[in-house]
């Protein structure tokens, strides 16, 4: 094999490595975008759950039966009681 053939193989190897590195960089960028989306979505979920709890509390204060509130939310009554007791994490973990 002469010098030019070696150089050609070296260029092919370098191109393959560069292509793979570029692909990995695209993946990293996608992961960063997904992570940012995840964080934003979790924040929206937190706000939505807080609004839901406010509405649940208002309904119960207006004497809507807790069992009926739970049914309307398709939620187990046990989870509703956990939410009302301030144990939102346990109630949401059981519901998911």
PDB file of N, CA and C in Angstrom:
ATOM      1  N   UNK A   1       0.855  -1.162   0.000  1.00  0.00           N
ATOM      2  CA  UNK A   1       0.000   0.000   0.000  1.00  0.00           C
ATOM      3  C   UNK A   1       0.905   1.231   0.000  1.00  0.00           C
ATOM      4  N   UNK A   2       0.604   2.135  -0.888  1.00  0.00           N
ATOM      5  CA  UNK A   2       1.448   3.332  -0.958  1.00  0.00           C
ATOM      6  C   UNK A   2       0.890   4.444  -0.061  1.00  0.00           C
ATOM      7  N   UNK A   3       1.639   5.514  -0.017  1.00  0.00           N
ATOM      8  CA  UNK A   3       1.314   6.623   0.872  1.00  0.00           C
ATOM      9  C   UNK A   3      -0.073   7.212   0.581  1.00  0.00           C
ATOM     10  N   UNK A   4      -0.439   7.363  -0.666  1.00  0.00           N
ATOM     11  CA  UNK A   4      -1.742   7.928  -1.042  1.00  0.00           C
ATOM     12  C   UNK A   4      -2.897   7.047  -0.564  1.00  0.00           C
ATOM     13  N   UNK A   5      -2.734   5.740  -0.636  1.00  0.00           N
ATOM     14  CA  UNK A   5      -3.774   4.829  -0.164  1.00  0.00           C
ATOM     15  C   UNK A   5      -3.948   4.964   1.355  1.00  0.00           C
ATOM     16  N   UNK A   6      -2.853   5.127   2.059  1.00  0.00           N
ATOM     17  CA  UNK A   6      -2.924   5.340   3.506  1.00  0.00           C
ATOM     18  C   UNK A   6      -3.655   6.650   3.823  1.00  0.00           C
ATOM     19  N   UNK A   7      -3.290   7.688   3.069  1.00  0.00           N
ATOM     20  CA  UNK A   7      -3.942   8.978   3.280  1.00  0.00           C
ATOM     21  C   UNK A   7      -5.444   8.895   3.008  1.00  0.00           C
ATOM     22  N   UNK A   8      -5.822   8.161   1.987  1.00  0.00           N
ATOM     23  CA  UNK A   8      -7.244   7.986   1.658  1.00  0.00           C
ATOM     24  C   UNK A   8      -7.973   7.270   2.794  1.00  0.00           C
ATOM     25  N   UNK A   9      -7.373   6.212   3.316  1.00  0.00           N
ATOM     26  CA  UNK A   9      -7.975   5.490   4.444  1.00  0.00           C
ATOM     27  C   UNK A   9      -8.051   6.376   5.697  1.00  0.00           C
ATOM     28  N   UNK A  10      -7.016   7.159   5.919  1.00  0.00           N
ATOM     29  CA  UNK A  10      -7.021   8.079   7.057  1.00  0.00           C
ATOM     30  C   UNK A  10      -8.127   9.123   6.910  1.00  0.00           C
ATOM     31  N   UNK A  11      -8.318   9.667   5.714  1.00  0.00           N
ATOM     32  CA  UNK A  11      -9.384  10.645   5.478  1.00  0.00           C
ATOM     33  C   UNK A  11     -10.757  10.018   5.684  1.00  0.00           C
ATOM     34  N   UNK A  12     -10.924   8.764   5.230  1.00  0.00           N
ATOM     35  CA  UNK A  12     -12.197   8.059   5.431  1.00  0.00           C
ATOM     36  C   UNK A  12     -12.473   7.867   6.920  1.00  0.00           C
ATOM     37  N   UNK A  13     -11.442   7.474   7.655  1.00  0.00           N
ATOM     38  CA  UNK A  13     -11.602   7.279   9.106  1.00  0.00           C
ATOM     39  C   UNK A  13     -11.938   8.596   9.795  1.00  0.00           C
ATOM     40  N   UNK A  14     -11.238   9.649   9.408  1.00  0.00           N
ATOM     41  CA  UNK A  14     -11.493  10.963  10.005  1.00  0.00           C
ATOM     42  C   UNK A  14     -12.918  11.427   9.693  1.00  0.00           C
ATOM     43  N   UNK A  15     -13.371  11.195   8.479  1.00  0.00           N
ATOM     44  CA  UNK A  15     -14.731  11.588   8.091  1.00  0.00           C
ATOM     45  C   UNK A  15     -15.772  10.806   8.887  1.00  0.00           C
ATOM     46  N   UNK A  16     -15.528   9.509   9.089  1.00  0.00           N
ATOM     47  CA  UNK A  16     -16.458   8.682   9.853  1.00  0.00           C
ATOM     48  C   UNK A  16     -16.534   9.148  11.307  1.00  0.00           C
ATOM     49  N   UNK A  17     -15.370   9.422  11.895  1.00  0.00           N
ATOM     50  CA  UNK A  17     -15.327   9.898  13.275  1.00  0.00           C
ATOM     51  C   UNK A  17     -16.057  11.245  13.381  1.00  0.00           C
ATOM     52  N   UNK A  18     -15.820  12.138  12.445  1.00  0.00           N
ATOM     53  CA  UNK A  18     -16.460  13.451  12.477  1.00  0.00           C
ATOM     54  C   UNK A  18     -17.976  13.327  12.330  1.00  0.00           C
ATOM     55  N   UNK A  19     -18.411  12.436  11.452  1.00  0.00           N
ATOM     56  CA  UNK A  19     -19.850  12.208  11.256  1.00  0.00           C
ATOM     57  C   UNK A  19     -20.503  11.710  12.542  1.00  0.00           C
ATOM     58  N   UNK A  20     -19.835  10.782  13.217  1.00  0.00           N
ATOM     59  CA  UNK A  20     -20.364  10.261  14.475  1.00  0.00           C
ATOM     60  C   UNK A  20     -20.371  11.331  15.568  1.00  0.00           C
ATOM     61  N   UNK A  21     -19.336  12.143  15.624  1.00  0.00           N
ATOM     62  CA  UNK A  21     -19.292  13.224  16.605  1.00  0.00           C
ATOM     63  C   UNK A  21     -20.400  14.248  16.339  1.00  0.00           C
ATOM     64  N   UNK A  22     -20.634  14.559  15.075  1.00  0.00           N
ATOM     65  CA  UNK A  22     -21.712  15.481  14.722  1.00  0.00           C
ATOM     66  C   UNK A  22     -23.070  14.905  15.122  1.00  0.00           C
ATOM     67  N   UNK A  23     -23.239  13.616  14.892  1.00  0.00           N
ATOM     68  CA  UNK A  23     -24.492  12.959  15.261  1.00  0.00           C
ATOM     69  C   UNK A  23     -24.698  13.001  16.778  1.00  0.00           C
ATOM     70  N   UNK A  24     -23.647  12.727  17.532  1.00  0.00           N
ATOM     71  CA  UNK A  24     -23.728  12.799  18.988  1.00  0.00           C
ATOM     72  C   UNK A  24     -24.059  14.210  19.457  1.00  0.00           C
ATOM     73  N   UNK A  25     -23.509  15.209  18.793  1.00  0.00           N
ATOM     74  CA  UNK A  25     -23.803  16.595  19.159  1.00  0.00           C
ATOM     75  C   UNK A  25     -25.275  16.920  18.923  1.00  0.00           C
ATOM     76  N   UNK A  26     -25.834  16.414  17.834  1.00  0.00           N
ATOM     77  CA  UNK A  26     -27.263  16.616  17.565  1.00  0.00           C
ATOM     78  C   UNK A  26     -28.103  15.952  18.655  1.00  0.00           C
ATOM     79  N   UNK A  27     -27.682  14.760  19.068  1.00  0.00           N
ATOM     80  CA  UNK A  27     -28.392  14.044  20.134  1.00  0.00           C
ATOM     81  C   UNK A  27     -28.327  14.844  21.431  1.00  0.00           C
ATOM     82  N   UNK A  28     -27.170  15.380  21.755  1.00  0.00           N
ATOM     83  CA  UNK A  28     -27.029  16.181  22.970  1.00  0.00           C
ATOM     84  C   UNK A  28     -27.934  17.405  22.927  1.00  0.00           C
ATOM     85  N   UNK A  29     -28.018  18.025  21.764  1.00  0.00           N
ATOM     86  CA  UNK A  29     -28.884  19.198  21.610  1.00  0.00           C
ATOM     87  C   UNK A  29     -30.347  18.804  21.814  1.00  0.00           C
ATOM     88  N   UNK A  30     -30.750  17.681  21.247  1.00  0.00           N
ATOM     89  CA  UNK A  30     -32.128  17.201  21.422  1.00  0.00           C
ATOM     90  C   UNK A  30     -32.402  16.894  22.892  1.00  0.00           C
ATOM     91  N   UNK A  31     -31.439  16.266  23.551  1.00  0.00           N
ATOM     92  CA  UNK A  31     -31.605  15.953  24.974  1.00  0.00           C
ATOM     93  C   UNK A  31     -31.779  17.232  25.792  1.00  0.00           C
ATOM     94  N   UNK A  32     -30.993  18.259  25.481  1.00  0.00           N
ATOM     95  CA  UNK A  32     -31.097  19.529  26.199  1.00  0.00           C
ATOM     96  C   UNK A  32     -32.464  20.166  25.973  1.00  0.00           C
ATOM     97  N   UNK A  33     -32.953  20.098  24.733  1.00  0.00           N
ATOM     98  CA  UNK A  33     -34.275  20.647  24.430  1.00  0.00           C
ATOM     99  C   UNK A  33     -35.368  19.868  25.154  1.00  0.00           C
ATOM    100  N   UNK A  34     -35.239  18.545  25.170  1.00  0.00           N
ATOM    101  CA  UNK A  34     -36.216  17.724  25.873  1.00  0.00           C
ATOM    102  C   UNK A  34     -36.193  17.996  27.376  1.00  0.00           C
ATOM    103  N   UNK A  35     -35.015  18.164  27.925  1.00  0.00           N
ATOM    104  CA  UNK A  35     -34.896  18.456  29.356  1.00  0.00           C
ATOM    105  C   UNK A  35     -35.547  19.794  29.675  1.00  0.00           C
ATOM    106  N   UNK A  36     -35.314  20.795  28.842  1.00  0.00           N
ATOM    107  CA  UNK A  36     -35.942  22.105  29.062  1.00  0.00           C
ATOM    108  C   UNK A  36     -37.461  21.984  28.972  1.00  0.00           C
ATOM    109  N   UNK A  37     -37.946  21.202  28.013  1.00  0.00           N
ATOM    110  CA  UNK A  37     -39.385  20.975  27.866  1.00  0.00           C
ATOM    111  C   UNK A  37     -39.932  20.247  29.087  1.00  0.00           C
ATOM    112  N   UNK A  38     -39.183  19.281  29.582  1.00  0.00           N
ATOM    113  CA  UNK A  38     -39.597  18.521  30.772  1.00  0.00           C
ATOM    114  C   UNK A  38     -39.734  19.442  31.971  1.00  0.00           C
ATOM    115  N   UNK A  39     -38.757  20.304  32.175  1.00  0.00           N
ATOM    116  CA  UNK A  39     -38.782  21.222  33.308  1.00  0.00           C
ATOM    117  C   UNK A  39     -39.974  22.174  33.189  1.00  0.00           C
ATOM    118  N   UNK A  40     -40.195  22.710  32.001  1.00  0.00           N
ATOM    119  CA  UNK A  40     -41.322  23.620  31.789  1.00  0.00           C
ATOM    120  C   UNK A  40     -42.647  22.903  32.000  1.00  0.00           C
ATOM    121  N   UNK A  41     -42.750  21.681  31.518  1.00  0.00           N
ATOM    122  CA  UNK A  41     -43.987  20.910  31.671  1.00  0.00           C
ATOM    123  C   UNK A  41     -44.237  20.566  33.132  1.00  0.00           C
ATOM    124  N   UNK A  42     -43.196  20.213  33.863  1.00  0.00           N
ATOM    125  CA  UNK A  42     -43.357  19.935  35.290  1.00  0.00           C
ATOM    126  C   UNK A  42     -43.836  21.172  36.049  1.00  0.00           C
ATOM    127  N   UNK A  43     -43.351  22.331  35.658  1.00  0.00           N
ATOM    128  CA  UNK A  43     -43.790  23.567  36.296  1.00  0.00           C
ATOM    129  C   UNK A  43     -45.270  23.831  35.987  1.00  0.00           C
ATOM    130  N   UNK A  44     -45.673  23.598  34.744  1.00  0.00           N
ATOM    131  CA  UNK A  44     -47.087  23.754  34.382  1.00  0.00           C
ATOM    132  C   UNK A  44     -47.953  22.761  35.140  1.00  0.00           C
ATOM    133  N   UNK A  45     -47.453  21.529  35.278  1.00  0.00           N
ATOM    134  CA  UNK A  45     -48.188  20.503  36.016  1.00  0.00           C
ATOM    135  C   UNK A  45     -48.370  20.910  37.474  1.00  0.00           C
ATOM    136  N   UNK A  46     -47.332  21.461  38.061  1.00  0.00           N
ATOM    137  CA  UNK A  46     -47.399  21.915  39.447  1.00  0.00           C
ATOM    138  C   UNK A  46     -48.481  22.992  39.596  1.00  0.00           C
ATOM    139  N   UNK A  47     -48.515  23.932  38.669  1.00  0.00           N
ATOM    140  CA  UNK A  47     -49.520  24.999  38.716  1.00  0.00           C
ATOM    141  C   UNK A  47     -50.923  24.439  38.504  1.00  0.00           C
ATOM    142  N   UNK A  48     -51.052  23.496  37.573  1.00  0.00           N
ATOM    143  CA  UNK A  48     -52.361  22.897  37.299  1.00  0.00           C
ATOM    144  C   UNK A  48     -52.859  22.119  38.512  1.00  0.00           C
ATOM    145  N   UNK A  49     -51.974  21.406  39.171  1.00  0.00           N
ATOM    146  CA  UNK A  49     -52.365  20.653  40.372  1.00  0.00           C
ATOM    147  C   UNK A  49     -52.772  21.600  41.497  1.00  0.00           C
ATOM    148  N   UNK A  50     -52.066  22.715  41.610  1.00  0.00           N
ATOM    149  CA  UNK A  50     -52.406  23.698  42.636  1.00  0.00           C
ATOM    150  C   UNK A  50     -53.790  24.282  42.358  1.00  0.00           C
ATOM    151  N   UNK A  51     -54.068  24.604  41.099  1.00  0.00           N
ATOM    152  CA  UNK A  51     -55.384  25.139  40.724  1.00  0.00           C
ATOM    153  C   UNK A  51     -56.473  24.100  40.986  1.00  0.00           C
ATOM    154  N   UNK A  52     -56.184  22.842  40.665  1.00  0.00           N
ATOM    155  CA  UNK A  52     -57.149  21.778  40.915  1.00  0.00           C
ATOM    156  C   UNK A  52     -57.453  21.666  42.397  1.00  0.00           C
ATOM    157  N   UNK A  53     -56.413  21.713  43.236  1.00  0.00           N
ATOM    158  CA  UNK A  53     -56.608  21.617  44.676  1.00  0.00           C
ATOM    159  C   UNK A  53     -57.445  22.793  45.188  1.00  0.00           C
ATOM    160  N   UNK A  54     -57.200  23.968  44.648  1.00  0.00           N
ATOM    161  CA  UNK A  54     -57.996  25.140  45.029  1.00  0.00           C
ATOM    162  C   UNK A  54     -59.463  24.917  44.691  1.00  0.00           C
ATOM    163  N   UNK A  55     -59.724  24.362  43.518  1.00  0.00           N
ATOM    164  CA  UNK A  55     -61.102  24.101  43.097  1.00  0.00           C
ATOM    165  C   UNK A  55     -61.738  22.988  43.933  1.00  0.00           C
ATOM    166  N   UNK A  56     -60.949  21.973  44.260  1.00  0.00           N
ATOM    167  CA  UNK A  56     -61.454  20.890  45.118  1.00  0.00           C
ATOM    168  C   UNK A  56     -61.859  21.461  46.467  1.00  0.00           C
ATOM    169  N   UNK A  57     -60.979  22.251  47.038  1.00  0.00           N
ATOM    170  CA  UNK A  57     -61.241  22.833  48.348  1.00  0.00           C
ATOM    171  C   UNK A  57     -62.482  23.721  48.314  1.00  0.00           C
ATOM    172  N   UNK A  58     -62.618  24.511  47.250  1.00  0.00           N
ATOM    173  CA  UNK A  58     -63.788  25.384  47.131  1.00  0.00           C
ATOM    174  C   UNK A  58     -65.073  24.567  47.033  1.00  0.00           C
ATOM    175  N   UNK A  59     -65.032  23.490  46.272  1.00  0.00           N
ATOM    176  CA  UNK A  59     -66.225  22.646  46.129  1.00  0.00           C
ATOM    177  C   UNK A  59     -66.604  22.028  47.470  1.00  0.00           C
ATOM    178  N   UNK A  60     -65.618  21.558  48.206  1.00  0.00           N
ATOM    179  CA  UNK A  60     -65.893  20.934  49.507  1.00  0.00           C
ATOM    180  C   UNK A  60     -66.401  21.967  50.503  1.00  0.00           C
ATOM    181  N   UNK A  61     -65.835  23.172  50.454  1.00  0.00           N
ATOM    182  CA  UNK A  61     -66.320  24.240  51.336  1.00  0.00           C
ATOM    183  C   UNK A  61     -67.771  24.608  51.013  1.00  0.00           C
ATOM    184  N   UNK A  62     -68.176  24.416  49.754  1.00  0.00           N
ATOM    185  CA  UNK A  62     -69.560  24.661  49.351  1.00  0.00           C
ATOM    186  C   UNK A  62     -70.435  23.434  49.561  1.00  0.00           C
ATOM    187  N   UNK A  63     -69.930  22.508  50.343  1.00  0.00           N
ATOM    188  CA  UNK A  63     -70.648  21.309  50.780  1.00  0.00           C
ATOM    189  C   UNK A  63     -70.941  20.306  49.663  1.00  0.00           C
ATOM    190  N   UNK A  64     -70.082  20.274  48.663  1.00  0.00           N
ATOM    191  CA  UNK A  64     -70.166  19.196  47.675  1.00  0.00           C
ATOM    192  C   UNK A  64     -69.517  17.975  48.332  1.00  0.00           C
ATOM    193  N   UNK A  65     -70.205  16.835  48.345  1.00  0.00           N
ATOM    194  CA  UNK A  65     -69.641  15.653  49.009  1.00  0.00           C
ATOM    195  C   UNK A  65     -68.291  15.235  48.410  1.00  0.00           C
ATOM    196  N   UNK A  66     -67.391  14.864  49.295  1.00  0.00           N
ATOM    197  CA  UNK A  66     -66.044  14.477  48.860  1.00  0.00           C
ATOM    198  C   UNK A  66     -66.084  13.288  47.907  1.00  0.00           C
ATOM    199  N   UNK A  67     -66.966  12.361  48.153  1.00  0.00           N
ATOM    200  CA  UNK A  67     -67.070  11.199  47.259  1.00  0.00           C
ATOM    201  C   UNK A  67     -67.460  11.635  45.857  1.00  0.00           C
ATOM    202  N   UNK A  68     -68.338  12.594  45.773  1.00  0.00           N
ATOM    203  CA  UNK A  68     -68.769  13.092  44.460  1.00  0.00           C
ATOM    204  C   UNK A  68     -67.634  13.857  43.780  1.00  0.00           C
ATOM    205  N   UNK A  69     -66.900  14.641  44.548  1.00  0.00           N
ATOM    206  CA  UNK A  69     -65.739  15.356  43.993  1.00  0.00           C
ATOM    207  C   UNK A  69     -64.738  14.346  43.440  1.00  0.00           C
ATOM    208  N   UNK A  70     -64.461  13.310  44.202  1.00  0.00           N
ATOM    209  CA  UNK A  70     -63.510  12.285  43.762  1.00  0.00           C
ATOM    210  C   UNK A  70     -63.991  11.616  42.479  1.00  0.00           C
ATOM    211  N   UNK A  71     -65.275  11.303  42.417  1.00  0.00           N
ATOM    212  CA  UNK A  71     -65.829  10.673  41.201  1.00  0.00           C
ATOM    213  C   UNK A  71     -65.685  11.582  39.995  1.00  0.00           C
ATOM    214  N   UNK A  72     -65.986  12.855  40.175  1.00  0.00           N
ATOM    215  CA  UNK A  72     -65.885  13.815  39.066  1.00  0.00           C
ATOM    216  C   UNK A  72     -64.456  13.920  38.536  1.00  0.00           C
ATOM    217  N   UNK A  73     -63.505  13.722  39.416  1.00  0.00           N
ATOM    218  CA  UNK A  73     -62.089  13.798  39.033  1.00  0.00           C
ATOM    219  C   UNK A  73     -61.530  12.439  38.612  1.00  0.00           C
ATOM    220  N   UNK A  74     -62.385  11.411  38.651  1.00  0.00           N
ATOM    221  CA  UNK A  74     -61.914  10.036  38.394  1.00  0.00           C
ATOM    222  C   UNK A  74     -60.739   9.709  39.314  1.00  0.00           C
ATOM    223  N   UNK A  75     -60.925  10.059  40.559  1.00  0.00           N
ATOM    224  CA  UNK A  75     -59.868   9.899  41.546  1.00  0.00           C
ATOM    225  C   UNK A  75     -60.382   9.012  42.680  1.00  0.00           C
ATOM    226  N   UNK A  76     -59.529   8.180  43.174  1.00  0.00           N
ATOM    227  CA  UNK A  76     -59.866   7.375  44.345  1.00  0.00           C
ATOM    228  C   UNK A  76     -60.046   8.317  45.544  1.00  0.00           C
ATOM    229  N   UNK A  77     -61.040   8.015  46.378  1.00  0.00           N
ATOM    230  CA  UNK A  77     -61.287   8.881  47.532  1.00  0.00           C
ATOM    231  C   UNK A  77     -60.081   8.958  48.463  1.00  0.00           C
ATOM    232  N   UNK A  78     -59.355   7.862  48.567  1.00  0.00           N
ATOM    233  CA  UNK A  78     -58.156   7.859  49.410  1.00  0.00           C
ATOM    234  C   UNK A  78     -57.164   8.910  48.915  1.00  0.00           C
ATOM    235  N   UNK A  79     -56.996   8.990  47.609  1.00  0.00           N
ATOM    236  CA  UNK A  79     -56.081   9.988  47.047  1.00  0.00           C
ATOM    237  C   UNK A  79     -56.594  11.405  47.282  1.00  0.00           C
ATOM    238  N   UNK A  80     -57.910  11.577  47.214  1.00  0.00           N
ATOM    239  CA  UNK A  80     -58.491  12.890  47.494  1.00  0.00           C
ATOM    240  C   UNK A  80     -58.182  13.294  48.939  1.00  0.00           C
ATOM    241  N   UNK A  81     -58.356  12.364  49.866  1.00  0.00           N
ATOM    242  CA  UNK A  81     -58.062  12.667  51.267  1.00  0.00           C
ATOM    243  C   UNK A  81     -56.582  12.989  51.464  1.00  0.00           C
ATOM    244  N   UNK A  82     -55.719  12.288  50.757  1.00  0.00           N
ATOM    245  CA  UNK A  82     -54.283  12.581  50.847  1.00  0.00           C
ATOM    246  C   UNK A  82     -53.996  13.995  50.344  1.00  0.00           C
ATOM    247  N   UNK A  83     -54.644  14.366  49.233  1.00  0.00           N
ATOM    248  CA  UNK A  83     -54.468  15.721  48.712  1.00  0.00           C
ATOM    249  C   UNK A  83     -54.924  16.754  49.731  1.00  0.00           C
ATOM    250  N   UNK A  84     -56.067  16.512  50.314  1.00  0.00           N
ATOM    251  CA  UNK A  84     -56.617  17.454  51.281  1.00  0.00           C
ATOM    252  C   UNK A  84     -55.780  17.528  52.550  1.00  0.00           C
ATOM    253  N   UNK A  85     -55.073  16.446  52.869  1.00  0.00           N
ATOM    254  CA  UNK A  85     -54.189  16.432  54.035  1.00  0.00           C
ATOM    255  C   UNK A  85     -52.821  17.034  53.731  1.00  0.00           C
ATOM    256  N   UNK A  86     -52.636  17.478  52.487  1.00  0.00           N
ATOM    257  CA  UNK A  86     -51.373  18.103  52.117  1.00  0.00           C
ATOM    258  C   UNK A  86     -50.319  17.132  51.646  1.00  0.00           C
ATOM    259  N   UNK A  87     -50.677  15.893  51.417  1.00  0.00           N
ATOM    260  CA  UNK A  87     -49.725  14.890  50.957  1.00  0.00           C
ATOM    261  C   UNK A  87     -49.912  14.661  49.461  1.00  0.00           C
ATOM    262  N   UNK A  88     -49.707  15.722  48.684  1.00  0.00           N
ATOM    263  CA  UNK A  88     -49.971  15.672  47.250  1.00  0.00           C
ATOM    264  C   UNK A  88     -49.094  14.655  46.530  1.00  0.00           C
ATOM    265  N   UNK A  89     -47.833  14.561  46.931  1.00  0.00           N
ATOM    266  CA  UNK A  89     -46.923  13.635  46.250  1.00  0.00           C
ATOM    267  C   UNK A  89     -47.416  12.187  46.348  1.00  0.00           C
ATOM    268  N   UNK A  90     -47.854  11.781  47.508  1.00  0.00           N
ATOM    269  CA  UNK A  90     -48.341  10.410  47.689  1.00  0.00           C
ATOM    270  C   UNK A  90     -49.612  10.179  46.891  1.00  0.00           C
ATOM    271  N   UNK A  91     -50.495  11.175  46.889  1.00  0.00           N
ATOM    272  CA  UNK A  91     -51.756  11.033  46.155  1.00  0.00           C
ATOM    273  C   UNK A  91     -51.514  10.952  44.656  1.00  0.00           C
ATOM    274  N   UNK A  92     -50.605  11.765  44.139  1.00  0.00           N
ATOM    275  CA  UNK A  92     -50.325  11.780  42.694  1.00  0.00           C
ATOM    276  C   UNK A  92     -49.561  10.532  42.284  1.00  0.00           C
ATOM    277  N   UNK A  93     -48.670  10.056  43.123  1.00  0.00           N
ATOM    278  CA  UNK A  93     -47.905   8.852  42.790  1.00  0.00           C
ATOM    279  C   UNK A  93     -48.829   7.644  42.672  1.00  0.00           C
ATOM    280  N   UNK A  94     -49.812   7.586  43.554  1.00  0.00           N
ATOM    281  CA  UNK A  94     -50.760   6.467  43.528  1.00  0.00           C
ATOM    282  C   UNK A  94     -51.665   6.573  42.312  1.00  0.00           C
ATOM    283  N   UNK A  95     -51.990   7.789  41.889  1.00  0.00           N
ATOM    284  CA  UNK A  95     -52.921   7.981  40.781  1.00  0.00           C
ATOM    285  C   UNK A  95     -52.269   7.705  39.442  1.00  0.00           C
ATOM    286  N   UNK A  96     -50.965   7.830  39.336  1.00  0.00           N
ATOM    287  CA  UNK A  96     -50.295   7.701  38.038  1.00  0.00           C
ATOM    288  C   UNK A  96     -49.888   6.305  37.734  1.00  0.00           C
TER     289      UNK A  96
END
